[in-house]
PDB file of all heavy atoms in Angstrom:
ATOM      1  N   ALA A   1     267.603 169.610 124.174  1.00  0.00           N
ATOM      2  CA  ALA A   1     268.976 169.741 124.657  1.00  0.00           C
ATOM      3  C   ALA A   1     268.995 170.072 126.148  1.00  0.00           C
ATOM      4  O   ALA A   1     269.817 169.538 126.907  1.00  0.00           O
ATOM      5  CB  ALA A   1     269.714 170.811 123.863  1.00  0.00           C
ATOM      6  N   ALA A   2     268.098 170.949 126.584  1.00  0.00           N
ATOM      7  CA  ALA A   2     268.044 171.330 127.998  1.00  0.00           C
ATOM      8  C   ALA A   2     267.635 170.148 128.867  1.00  0.00           C
ATOM      9  O   ALA A   2     268.165 169.957 129.973  1.00  0.00           O
ATOM     10  CB  ALA A   2     267.070 172.494 128.185  1.00  0.00           C
ATOM     11  N   CYS A   3     266.691 169.344 128.399  1.00  0.00           N
ATOM     12  CA  CYS A   3     266.260 168.172 129.159  1.00  0.00           C
ATOM     13  C   CYS A   3     267.391 167.159 129.275  1.00  0.00           C
ATOM     14  O   CYS A   3     267.596 166.552 130.340  1.00  0.00           O
ATOM     15  CB  CYS A   3     265.044 167.529 128.501  1.00  0.00           C
ATOM     16  SG  CYS A   3     263.506 168.450 128.724  1.00  0.00           S
ATOM     17  N   GLU A   4     268.134 166.966 128.196  1.00  0.00           N
ATOM     18  CA  GLU A   4     269.263 166.039 128.239  1.00  0.00           C
ATOM     19  C   GLU A   4     270.319 166.522 129.222  1.00  0.00           C
ATOM     20  O   GLU A   4     270.879 165.728 129.995  1.00  0.00           O
ATOM     21  CB  GLU A   4     269.857 165.890 126.840  1.00  0.00           C
ATOM     22  CG  GLU A   4     268.944 165.133 125.870  1.00  0.00           C
ATOM     23  CD  GLU A   4     269.494 165.105 124.450  1.00  0.00           C
ATOM     24  OE1 GLU A   4     270.526 165.770 124.208  1.00  0.00           O
ATOM     25  OE2 GLU A   4     268.893 164.414 123.602  1.00  0.00           O
ATOM     26  N   ALA A   5     270.574 167.843 129.215  1.00  0.00           N
ATOM     27  CA  ALA A   5     271.576 168.402 130.129  1.00  0.00           C
ATOM     28  C   ALA A   5     271.126 168.305 131.584  1.00  0.00           C
ATOM     29  O   ALA A   5     271.952 168.096 132.481  1.00  0.00           O
ATOM     30  CB  ALA A   5     271.847 169.859 129.765  1.00  0.00           C
ATOM     31  N   ALA A   6     269.827 168.436 131.813  1.00  0.00           N
ATOM     32  CA  ALA A   6     269.297 168.407 133.181  1.00  0.00           C
ATOM     33  C   ALA A   6     268.938 166.999 133.641  1.00  0.00           C
ATOM     34  O   ALA A   6     268.616 166.797 134.822  1.00  0.00           O
ATOM     35  CB  ALA A   6     268.072 169.316 133.282  1.00  0.00           C
ATOM     36  N   GLY A   7     268.966 166.036 132.712  1.00  0.00           N
ATOM     37  CA  GLY A   7     268.604 164.669 133.057  1.00  0.00           C
ATOM     38  C   GLY A   7     267.129 164.490 133.341  1.00  0.00           C
ATOM     39  O   GLY A   7     266.735 163.659 134.164  1.00  0.00           O
ATOM     40  N   VAL A   8     266.284 165.257 132.638  1.00  0.00           N
ATOM     41  CA  VAL A   8     264.836 165.207 132.852  1.00  0.00           C
ATOM     42  C   VAL A   8     264.168 164.513 131.669  1.00  0.00           C
ATOM     43  O   VAL A   8     264.414 164.884 130.513  1.00  0.00           O
ATOM     44  CB  VAL A   8     264.260 166.638 133.019  1.00  0.00           C
ATOM     45  CG1 VAL A   8     262.732 166.598 133.120  1.00  0.00           C
ATOM     46  CG2 VAL A   8     264.852 167.305 134.239  1.00  0.00           C
ATOM     47  N   PRO A   9     263.317 163.519 131.898  1.00  0.00           N
ATOM     48  CA  PRO A   9     262.608 162.854 130.803  1.00  0.00           C
ATOM     49  C   PRO A   9     261.739 163.847 130.023  1.00  0.00           C
ATOM     50  O   PRO A   9     261.105 164.726 130.616  1.00  0.00           O
ATOM     51  CB  PRO A   9     261.738 161.814 131.512  1.00  0.00           C
ATOM     52  CG  PRO A   9     262.379 161.613 132.840  1.00  0.00           C
ATOM     53  CD  PRO A   9     262.985 162.927 133.211  1.00  0.00           C
ATOM     54  N   LEU A  10     261.705 163.681 128.700  1.00  0.00           N
ATOM     55  CA  LEU A  10     260.958 164.596 127.827  1.00  0.00           C
ATOM     56  C   LEU A  10     259.919 163.839 127.024  1.00  0.00           C
ATOM     57  O   LEU A  10     260.209 162.790 126.446  1.00  0.00           O
ATOM     58  CB  LEU A  10     261.921 165.304 126.871  1.00  0.00           C
ATOM     59  CG  LEU A  10     261.287 166.152 125.762  1.00  0.00           C
ATOM     60  CD1 LEU A  10     260.541 167.350 126.342  1.00  0.00           C
ATOM     61  CD2 LEU A  10     262.349 166.617 124.767  1.00  0.00           C
ATOM     62  N   LEU A  11     258.717 164.398 126.973  1.00  0.00           N
ATOM     63  CA  LEU A  11     257.656 163.894 126.105  1.00  0.00           C
ATOM     64  C   LEU A  11     257.325 164.972 125.082  1.00  0.00           C
ATOM     65  O   LEU A  11     257.082 166.116 125.457  1.00  0.00           O
ATOM     66  CB  LEU A  11     256.397 163.555 126.914  1.00  0.00           C
ATOM     67  CG  LEU A  11     256.534 162.509 128.032  1.00  0.00           C
ATOM     68  CD1 LEU A  11     255.215 162.384 128.779  1.00  0.00           C
ATOM     69  CD2 LEU A  11     256.956 161.168 127.464  1.00  0.00           C
ATOM     70  N   ARG A  12     257.331 164.614 123.821  1.00  0.00           N
ATOM     71  CA  ARG A  12     256.958 165.555 122.769  1.00  0.00           C
ATOM     72  C   ARG A  12     255.507 165.309 122.372  1.00  0.00           C
ATOM     73  O   ARG A  12     255.149 164.216 121.931  1.00  0.00           O
ATOM     74  CB  ARG A  12     257.871 165.392 121.546  1.00  0.00           C
ATOM     75  CG  ARG A  12     257.407 166.141 120.284  1.00  0.00           C
ATOM     76  CD  ARG A  12     257.273 167.628 120.500  1.00  0.00           C
ATOM     77  NE  ARG A  12     256.878 168.309 119.253  1.00  0.00           N
ATOM     78  CZ  ARG A  12     256.366 169.537 119.193  1.00  0.00           C
ATOM     79  NH1 ARG A  12     256.177 170.241 120.303  1.00  0.00           N
ATOM     80  NH2 ARG A  12     256.043 170.074 118.038  1.00  0.00           N
ATOM     81  N   LEU A  13     254.662 166.341 122.544  1.00  0.00           N
ATOM     82  CA  LEU A  13     253.259 166.248 122.161  1.00  0.00           C
ATOM     83  C   LEU A  13     253.146 166.661 120.697  1.00  0.00           C
ATOM     84  O   LEU A  13     253.388 167.816 120.342  1.00  0.00           O
ATOM     85  CB  LEU A  13     252.408 167.155 123.057  1.00  0.00           C
ATOM     86  CG  LEU A  13     250.907 166.898 123.102  1.00  0.00           C
ATOM     87  CD1 LEU A  13     250.272 167.629 124.290  1.00  0.00           C
ATOM     88  CD2 LEU A  13     250.210 167.325 121.827  1.00  0.00           C
ATOM     89  N   LYS A  14     252.778 165.716 119.860  1.00  0.00           N
ATOM     90  CA  LYS A  14     252.746 165.951 118.412  1.00  0.00           C
ATOM     91  C   LYS A  14     251.310 166.006 117.909  1.00  0.00           C
ATOM     92  O   LYS A  14     250.509 165.119 118.186  1.00  0.00           O
ATOM     93  CB  LYS A  14     253.500 164.833 117.692  1.00  0.00           C
ATOM     94  CG  LYS A  14     253.546 164.976 116.184  1.00  0.00           C
ATOM     95  CD  LYS A  14     254.240 163.784 115.549  1.00  0.00           C
ATOM     96  CE  LYS A  14     254.219 163.877 114.023  1.00  0.00           C
ATOM     97  NZ  LYS A  14     254.836 162.689 113.397  1.00  0.00           N
ATOM     98  N   ARG A  15     251.022 167.036 117.148  1.00  0.00           N
ATOM     99  CA  ARG A  15     249.706 167.131 116.509  1.00  0.00           C
ATOM    100  C   ARG A  15     249.620 166.152 115.342  1.00  0.00           C
ATOM    101  O   ARG A  15     250.596 165.906 114.638  1.00  0.00           O
ATOM    102  CB  ARG A  15     249.477 168.533 115.945  1.00  0.00           C
ATOM    103  CG  ARG A  15     249.119 169.582 116.951  1.00  0.00           C
ATOM    104  CD  ARG A  15     248.844 170.907 116.277  1.00  0.00           C
ATOM    105  NE  ARG A  15     248.456 171.914 117.245  1.00  0.00           N
ATOM    106  CZ  ARG A  15     248.227 173.190 116.930  1.00  0.00           C
ATOM    107  NH1 ARG A  15     248.362 173.601 115.676  1.00  0.00           N
ATOM    108  NH2 ARG A  15     247.880 174.049 117.865  1.00  0.00           N
ATOM    109  N   ASP A  16     248.418 165.638 115.117  1.00  0.00           N
ATOM    110  CA  ASP A  16     248.203 164.805 113.940  1.00  0.00           C
ATOM    111  C   ASP A  16     248.364 165.650 112.684  1.00  0.00           C
ATOM    112  O   ASP A  16     247.964 166.821 112.658  1.00  0.00           O
ATOM    113  CB  ASP A  16     246.800 164.197 113.962  1.00  0.00           C
ATOM    114  CG  ASP A  16     246.631 163.180 115.077  1.00  0.00           C
ATOM    115  OD1 ASP A  16     247.651 162.625 115.524  1.00  0.00           O
ATOM    116  OD2 ASP A  16     245.477 162.953 115.495  1.00  0.00           O
ATOM    117  N   GLU A  17     248.957 165.053 111.654  1.00  0.00           N
ATOM    118  CA  GLU A  17     249.105 165.773 110.395  1.00  0.00           C
ATOM    119  C   GLU A  17     247.813 165.694 109.598  1.00  0.00           C
ATOM    120  O   GLU A  17     247.034 164.748 109.722  1.00  0.00           O
ATOM    121  CB  GLU A  17     250.273 165.188 109.601  1.00  0.00           C
ATOM    122  CG  GLU A  17     251.616 165.393 110.281  1.00  0.00           C
ATOM    123  CD  GLU A  17     252.776 164.968 109.411  1.00  0.00           C
ATOM    124  OE1 GLU A  17     252.646 164.997 108.174  1.00  0.00           O
ATOM    125  OE2 GLU A  17     253.819 164.592 109.968  1.00  0.00           O
ATOM    126  N   SER A  18     247.589 166.699 108.754  1.00  0.00           N
ATOM    127  CA  SER A  18     246.351 166.782 107.989  1.00  0.00           C
ATOM    128  C   SER A  18     246.529 166.213 106.591  1.00  0.00           C
ATOM    129  O   SER A  18     247.643 166.075 106.080  1.00  0.00           O
ATOM    130  CB  SER A  18     245.901 168.247 107.882  1.00  0.00           C
ATOM    131  OG  SER A  18     245.730 168.819 109.155  1.00  0.00           O
ATOM    132  N   GLU A  19     245.418 165.927 105.969  1.00  0.00           N
ATOM    133  CA  GLU A  19     245.410 165.492 104.578  1.00  0.00           C
ATOM    134  C   GLU A  19     245.542 166.722 103.688  1.00  0.00           C
ATOM    135  O   GLU A  19     244.733 167.641 103.765  1.00  0.00           O
ATOM    136  CB  GLU A  19     244.103 164.753 104.271  1.00  0.00           C
ATOM    137  CG  GLU A  19     243.953 164.340 102.825  1.00  0.00           C
ATOM    138  CD  GLU A  19     245.099 163.476 102.343  1.00  0.00           C
ATOM    139  OE1 GLU A  19     245.286 162.387 102.912  1.00  0.00           O
ATOM    140  OE2 GLU A  19     245.807 163.907 101.394  1.00  0.00           O
ATOM    141  N   THR A  20     246.580 166.752 102.863  1.00  0.00           N
ATOM    142  CA  THR A  20     246.833 167.928 102.017  1.00  0.00           C
ATOM    143  C   THR A  20     246.635 167.626 100.532  1.00  0.00           C
ATOM    144  O   THR A  20     247.088 168.390  99.679  1.00  0.00           O
ATOM    145  CB  THR A  20     248.262 168.459 102.243  1.00  0.00           C
ATOM    146  OG1 THR A  20     249.214 167.414 101.981  1.00  0.00           O
ATOM    147  CG2 THR A  20     248.431 168.952 103.683  1.00  0.00           C
ATOM    148  N   ALA A  21     245.959 166.524 100.215  1.00  0.00           N
ATOM    149  CA  ALA A  21     245.685 166.201  98.812  1.00  0.00           C
ATOM    150  C   ALA A  21     244.900 167.334  98.166  1.00  0.00           C
ATOM    151  O   ALA A  21     243.945 167.849  98.743  1.00  0.00           O
ATOM    152  CB  ALA A  21     244.908 164.892  98.729  1.00  0.00           C
ATOM    153  N   GLY A  22     245.309 167.731  96.975  1.00  0.00           N
ATOM    154  CA  GLY A  22     244.648 168.816  96.264  1.00  0.00           C
ATOM    155  C   GLY A  22     245.266 170.167  96.509  1.00  0.00           C
ATOM    156  O   GLY A  22     244.940 171.141  95.815  1.00  0.00           O
ATOM    157  N   ALA A  23     246.155 170.253  97.494  1.00  0.00           N
ATOM    158  CA  ALA A  23     246.840 171.520  97.792  1.00  0.00           C
ATOM    159  C   ALA A  23     248.223 171.524  97.154  1.00  0.00           C
ATOM    160  O   ALA A  23     248.798 170.473  96.856  1.00  0.00           O
ATOM    161  CB  ALA A  23     246.964 171.712  99.297  1.00  0.00           C
ATOM    162  N   ARG A  24     248.775 172.706  96.953  1.00  0.00           N
ATOM    163  CA  ARG A  24     250.166 172.832  96.527  1.00  0.00           C
ATOM    164  C   ARG A  24     251.014 172.917  97.794  1.00  0.00           C
ATOM    165  O   ARG A  24     250.787 173.786  98.620  1.00  0.00           O
ATOM    166  CB  ARG A  24     250.365 174.082  95.662  1.00  0.00           C
ATOM    167  CG  ARG A  24     249.663 174.009  94.314  1.00  0.00           C
ATOM    168  CD  ARG A  24     250.026 175.196  93.433  1.00  0.00           C
ATOM    169  NE  ARG A  24     249.344 175.132  92.159  1.00  0.00           N
ATOM    170  CZ  ARG A  24     249.782 174.473  91.100  1.00  0.00           C
ATOM    171  NH1 ARG A  24     250.943 173.828  91.170  1.00  0.00           N
ATOM    172  NH2 ARG A  24     249.112 174.465  89.968  1.00  0.00           N
ATOM    173  N   VAL A  25     251.969 172.035  97.927  1.00  0.00           N
ATOM    174  CA  VAL A  25     252.774 171.950  99.146  1.00  0.00           C
ATOM    175  C   VAL A  25     254.179 172.469  98.874  1.00  0.00           C
ATOM    176  O   VAL A  25     254.816 172.087  97.881  1.00  0.00           O
ATOM    177  CB  VAL A  25     252.835 170.502  99.666  1.00  0.00           C
ATOM    178  CG1 VAL A  25     253.673 170.426 100.943  1.00  0.00           C
ATOM    179  CG2 VAL A  25     251.425 169.974  99.935  1.00  0.00           C
ATOM    180  N   PHE A  26     254.659 173.331  99.764  1.00  0.00           N
ATOM    181  CA  PHE A  26     255.979 173.939  99.621  1.00  0.00           C
ATOM    182  C   PHE A  26     256.801 173.680 100.885  1.00  0.00           C
ATOM    183  O   PHE A  26     256.260 173.563 101.982  1.00  0.00           O
ATOM    184  CB  PHE A  26     255.868 175.445  99.376  1.00  0.00           C
ATOM    185  CG  PHE A  26     255.145 175.787  98.112  1.00  0.00           C
ATOM    186  CD1 PHE A  26     253.757 175.913  98.103  1.00  0.00           C
ATOM    187  CD2 PHE A  26     255.836 175.967  96.924  1.00  0.00           C
ATOM    188  CE1 PHE A  26     253.078 176.228  96.940  1.00  0.00           C
ATOM    189  CE2 PHE A  26     255.163 176.280  95.747  1.00  0.00           C
ATOM    190  CZ  PHE A  26     253.780 176.404  95.753  1.00  0.00           C
ATOM    191  N   ALA A  27     258.112 173.637 100.713  1.00  0.00           N
ATOM    192  CA  ALA A  27     258.990 173.366 101.850  1.00  0.00           C
ATOM    193  C   ALA A  27     259.009 174.524 102.838  1.00  0.00           C
ATOM    194  O   ALA A  27     259.171 174.317 104.041  1.00  0.00           O
ATOM    195  CB  ALA A  27     260.406 173.071 101.361  1.00  0.00           C
ATOM    196  N   ASP A  28     258.842 175.750 102.335  1.00  0.00           N
ATOM    197  CA  ASP A  28     258.912 176.914 103.218  1.00  0.00           C
ATOM    198  C   ASP A  28     258.205 178.103 102.582  1.00  0.00           C
ATOM    199  O   ASP A  28     257.710 178.022 101.445  1.00  0.00           O
ATOM    200  CB  ASP A  28     260.368 177.265 103.544  1.00  0.00           C
ATOM    201  CG  ASP A  28     261.232 177.404 102.293  1.00  0.00           C
ATOM    202  OD1 ASP A  28     260.703 177.758 101.213  1.00  0.00           O
ATOM    203  OD2 ASP A  28     262.450 177.168 102.398  1.00  0.00           O
ATOM    204  N   ALA A  29     258.181 179.220 103.309  1.00  0.00           N
ATOM    205  CA  ALA A  29     257.508 180.426 102.829  1.00  0.00           C
ATOM    206  C   ALA A  29     258.181 180.981 101.578  1.00  0.00           C
ATOM    207  O   ALA A  29     257.502 181.499 100.682  1.00  0.00           O
ATOM    208  CB  ALA A  29     257.487 181.480 103.934  1.00  0.00           C
ATOM    209  N   ALA A  30     259.499 180.878 101.507  1.00  0.00           N
ATOM    210  CA  ALA A  30     260.217 181.390 100.340  1.00  0.00           C
ATOM    211  C   ALA A  30     259.780 180.668  99.068  1.00  0.00           C
ATOM    212  O   ALA A  30     259.618 181.287  98.007  1.00  0.00           O
ATOM    213  CB  ALA A  30     261.723 181.246 100.547  1.00  0.00           C
ATOM    214  N   GLY A  31     259.583 179.351  99.171  1.00  0.00           N
ATOM    215  CA  GLY A  31     259.133 178.585  98.008  1.00  0.00           C
ATOM    216  C   GLY A  31     257.737 178.969  97.576  1.00  0.00           C
ATOM    217  O   GLY A  31     257.456 179.099  96.373  1.00  0.00           O
ATOM    218  N   ALA A  32     256.843 179.170  98.538  1.00  0.00           N
ATOM    219  CA  ALA A  32     255.479 179.584  98.210  1.00  0.00           C
ATOM    220  C   ALA A  32     255.480 180.967  97.569  1.00  0.00           C
ATOM    221  O   ALA A  32     254.765 181.221  96.588  1.00  0.00           O
ATOM    222  CB  ALA A  32     254.620 179.578  99.470  1.00  0.00           C
ATOM    223  N   ALA A  33     256.279 181.878  98.118  1.00  0.00           N
ATOM    224  CA  ALA A  33     256.349 183.240  97.585  1.00  0.00           C
ATOM    225  C   ALA A  33     256.895 183.245  96.159  1.00  0.00           C
ATOM    226  O   ALA A  33     256.415 183.990  95.298  1.00  0.00           O
ATOM    227  CB  ALA A  33     257.223 184.104  98.485  1.00  0.00           C
ATOM    228  N   GLN A  34     257.900 182.423  95.907  1.00  0.00           N
ATOM    229  CA  GLN A  34     258.477 182.350  94.562  1.00  0.00           C
ATOM    230  C   GLN A  34     257.434 181.880  93.552  1.00  0.00           C
ATOM    231  O   GLN A  34     257.361 182.401  92.439  1.00  0.00           O
ATOM    232  CB  GLN A  34     259.680 181.404  94.563  1.00  0.00           C
ATOM    233  CG  GLN A  34     260.406 181.329  93.223  1.00  0.00           C
ATOM    234  CD  GLN A  34     261.617 180.416  93.287  1.00  0.00           C
ATOM    235  OE1 GLN A  34     261.772 179.624  94.209  1.00  0.00           O
ATOM    236  NE2 GLN A  34     262.489 180.520  92.302  1.00  0.00           N
TER     237      GLN A  34
END
């Protein structure tokens, strides 16, 4: 939002996602805790 307001080009550096096969995947900490 700040870049759009200032008119500055933005690059998002994204990490590669990992292979999670075999793990239990939850949307958030609350789901894991439950």
